[in-house]
C-alpha atoms as a PDB file:
ATOM      1  CA  UNK A   1     -19.504  -2.208  -3.766  1.00  0.00           C
ATOM      2  CA  UNK A   2     -18.178  -3.556  -0.588  1.00  0.00           C
ATOM      3  CA  UNK A   3     -14.860  -5.463  -1.741  1.00  0.00           C
ATOM      4  CA  UNK A   4     -11.900  -6.096   1.088  1.00  0.00           C
ATOM      5  CA  UNK A   5      -8.369  -8.032   1.369  1.00  0.00           C
ATOM      6  CA  UNK A   6      -8.833 -11.588   0.906  1.00  0.00           C
ATOM      7  CA  UNK A   7     -11.877 -11.648  -1.524  1.00  0.00           C
ATOM      8  CA  UNK A   8     -11.549 -13.048  -5.086  1.00  0.00           C
ATOM      9  CA  UNK A   9     -12.914 -10.653  -7.632  1.00  0.00           C
ATOM     10  CA  UNK A  10     -12.988 -10.049 -11.399  1.00  0.00           C
ATOM     11  CA  UNK A  11     -11.225  -7.606 -13.030  1.00  0.00           C
ATOM     12  CA  UNK A  12     -12.536  -5.916 -15.969  1.00  0.00           C
ATOM     13  CA  UNK A  13      -9.997  -4.233 -18.312  1.00  0.00           C
ATOM     14  CA  UNK A  14     -12.550  -1.392 -19.275  1.00  0.00           C
ATOM     15  CA  UNK A  15     -14.765  -0.574 -16.897  1.00  0.00           C
ATOM     16  CA  UNK A  16     -18.295  -1.967 -17.272  1.00  0.00           C
ATOM     17  CA  UNK A  17     -17.103  -4.065 -19.968  1.00  0.00           C
ATOM     18  CA  UNK A  18     -16.510  -7.712 -20.052  1.00  0.00           C
ATOM     19  CA  UNK A  19     -14.107  -9.212 -17.244  1.00  0.00           C
ATOM     20  CA  UNK A  20     -11.132 -10.998 -18.419  1.00  0.00           C
ATOM     21  CA  UNK A  21     -12.476 -14.478 -17.149  1.00  0.00           C
ATOM     22  CA  UNK A  22      -9.834 -14.778 -14.154  1.00  0.00           C
ATOM     23  CA  UNK A  23     -10.108 -14.676 -10.536  1.00  0.00           C
ATOM     24  CA  UNK A  24      -8.084 -12.585  -8.085  1.00  0.00           C
ATOM     25  CA  UNK A  25      -7.182 -12.157  -4.625  1.00  0.00           C
ATOM     26  CA  UNK A  26      -7.358  -8.606  -3.274  1.00  0.00           C
ATOM     27  CA  UNK A  27      -4.236  -8.191  -1.685  1.00  0.00           C
ATOM     28  CA  UNK A  28      -4.560  -4.513   0.042  1.00  0.00           C
ATOM     29  CA  UNK A  29      -6.878  -1.455  -0.919  1.00  0.00           C
ATOM     30  CA  UNK A  30      -6.028   1.984  -0.806  1.00  0.00           C
ATOM     31  CA  UNK A  31      -6.015   5.751  -1.918  1.00  0.00           C
ATOM     32  CA  UNK A  32      -4.065   6.492  -5.102  1.00  0.00           C
ATOM     33  CA  UNK A  33      -4.279   9.995  -6.823  1.00  0.00           C
ATOM     34  CA  UNK A  34      -7.479  10.688  -4.731  1.00  0.00           C
ATOM     35  CA  UNK A  35      -9.377   7.537  -5.905  1.00  0.00           C
ATOM     36  CA  UNK A  36      -9.688   3.862  -4.499  1.00  0.00           C
ATOM     37  CA  UNK A  37      -7.426   1.124  -5.927  1.00  0.00           C
ATOM     38  CA  UNK A  38      -7.140  -2.337  -4.818  1.00  0.00           C
ATOM     39  CA  UNK A  39      -3.811  -4.305  -5.479  1.00  0.00           C
ATOM     40  CA  UNK A  40      -4.640  -8.232  -6.824  1.00  0.00           C
ATOM     41  CA  UNK A  41      -2.168 -11.223  -6.750  1.00  0.00           C
ATOM     42  CA  UNK A  42      -0.919 -11.912 -10.090  1.00  0.00           C
ATOM     43  CA  UNK A  43      -1.072  -8.070 -11.250  1.00  0.00           C
ATOM     44  CA  UNK A  44       1.810  -5.854 -10.703  1.00  0.00           C
ATOM     45  CA  UNK A  45      -0.235  -2.845 -11.109  1.00  0.00           C
ATOM     46  CA  UNK A  46      -2.774  -1.414  -8.702  1.00  0.00           C
ATOM     47  CA  UNK A  47      -6.089  -1.442 -10.494  1.00  0.00           C
ATOM     48  CA  UNK A  48      -8.991   1.026 -10.378  1.00  0.00           C
ATOM     49  CA  UNK A  49     -11.814  -0.291  -7.914  1.00  0.00           C
ATOM     50  CA  UNK A  50     -14.222   0.764 -10.230  1.00  0.00           C
ATOM     51  CA  UNK A  51     -12.917  -1.905 -12.510  1.00  0.00           C
ATOM     52  CA  UNK A  52     -13.349  -4.831 -10.434  1.00  0.00           C
ATOM     53  CA  UNK A  53     -16.806  -6.817  -9.556  1.00  0.00           C
ATOM     54  CA  UNK A  54     -17.640  -9.953  -7.103  1.00  0.00           C
ATOM     55  CA  UNK A  55     -17.995 -13.000  -8.956  1.00  0.00           C
ATOM     56  CA  UNK A  56     -21.629 -14.296  -9.714  1.00  0.00           C
ATOM     57  CA  UNK A  57     -21.519 -18.051  -8.658  1.00  0.00           C
ATOM     58  CA  UNK A  58     -23.671 -19.902 -11.817  1.00  0.00           C
ATOM     59  CA  UNK A  59     -23.444 -17.224 -14.047  1.00  0.00           C
ATOM     60  CA  UNK A  60     -19.813 -16.184 -14.399  1.00  0.00           C
ATOM     61  CA  UNK A  61     -17.736 -19.005 -13.141  1.00  0.00           C
ATOM     62  CA  UNK A  62     -16.424 -20.487 -16.671  1.00  0.00           C
ATOM     63  CA  UNK A  63     -15.513 -23.708 -14.533  1.00  0.00           C
ATOM     64  CA  UNK A  64     -13.315 -21.955 -11.951  1.00  0.00           C
ATOM     65  CA  UNK A  65     -13.085 -22.268  -8.169  1.00  0.00           C
ATOM     66  CA  UNK A  66     -14.423 -19.425  -5.436  1.00  0.00           C
ATOM     67  CA  UNK A  67     -11.775 -20.838  -2.527  1.00  0.00           C
END
């Protein structure tokens, strides 16, 4: 997956499950315990990159903007 700082992403509390319905901006990306993690605006703790997905305009926007 090609996610970088500044992108808007979806967070999936259960990897492979449904996202939480919110959009988050990626603050930065790094390694933690040998895995790729992202730090998101609005979340205190880093999240595993496997728990993120890119928004799918027209499929899952639920009225949220993609700006």
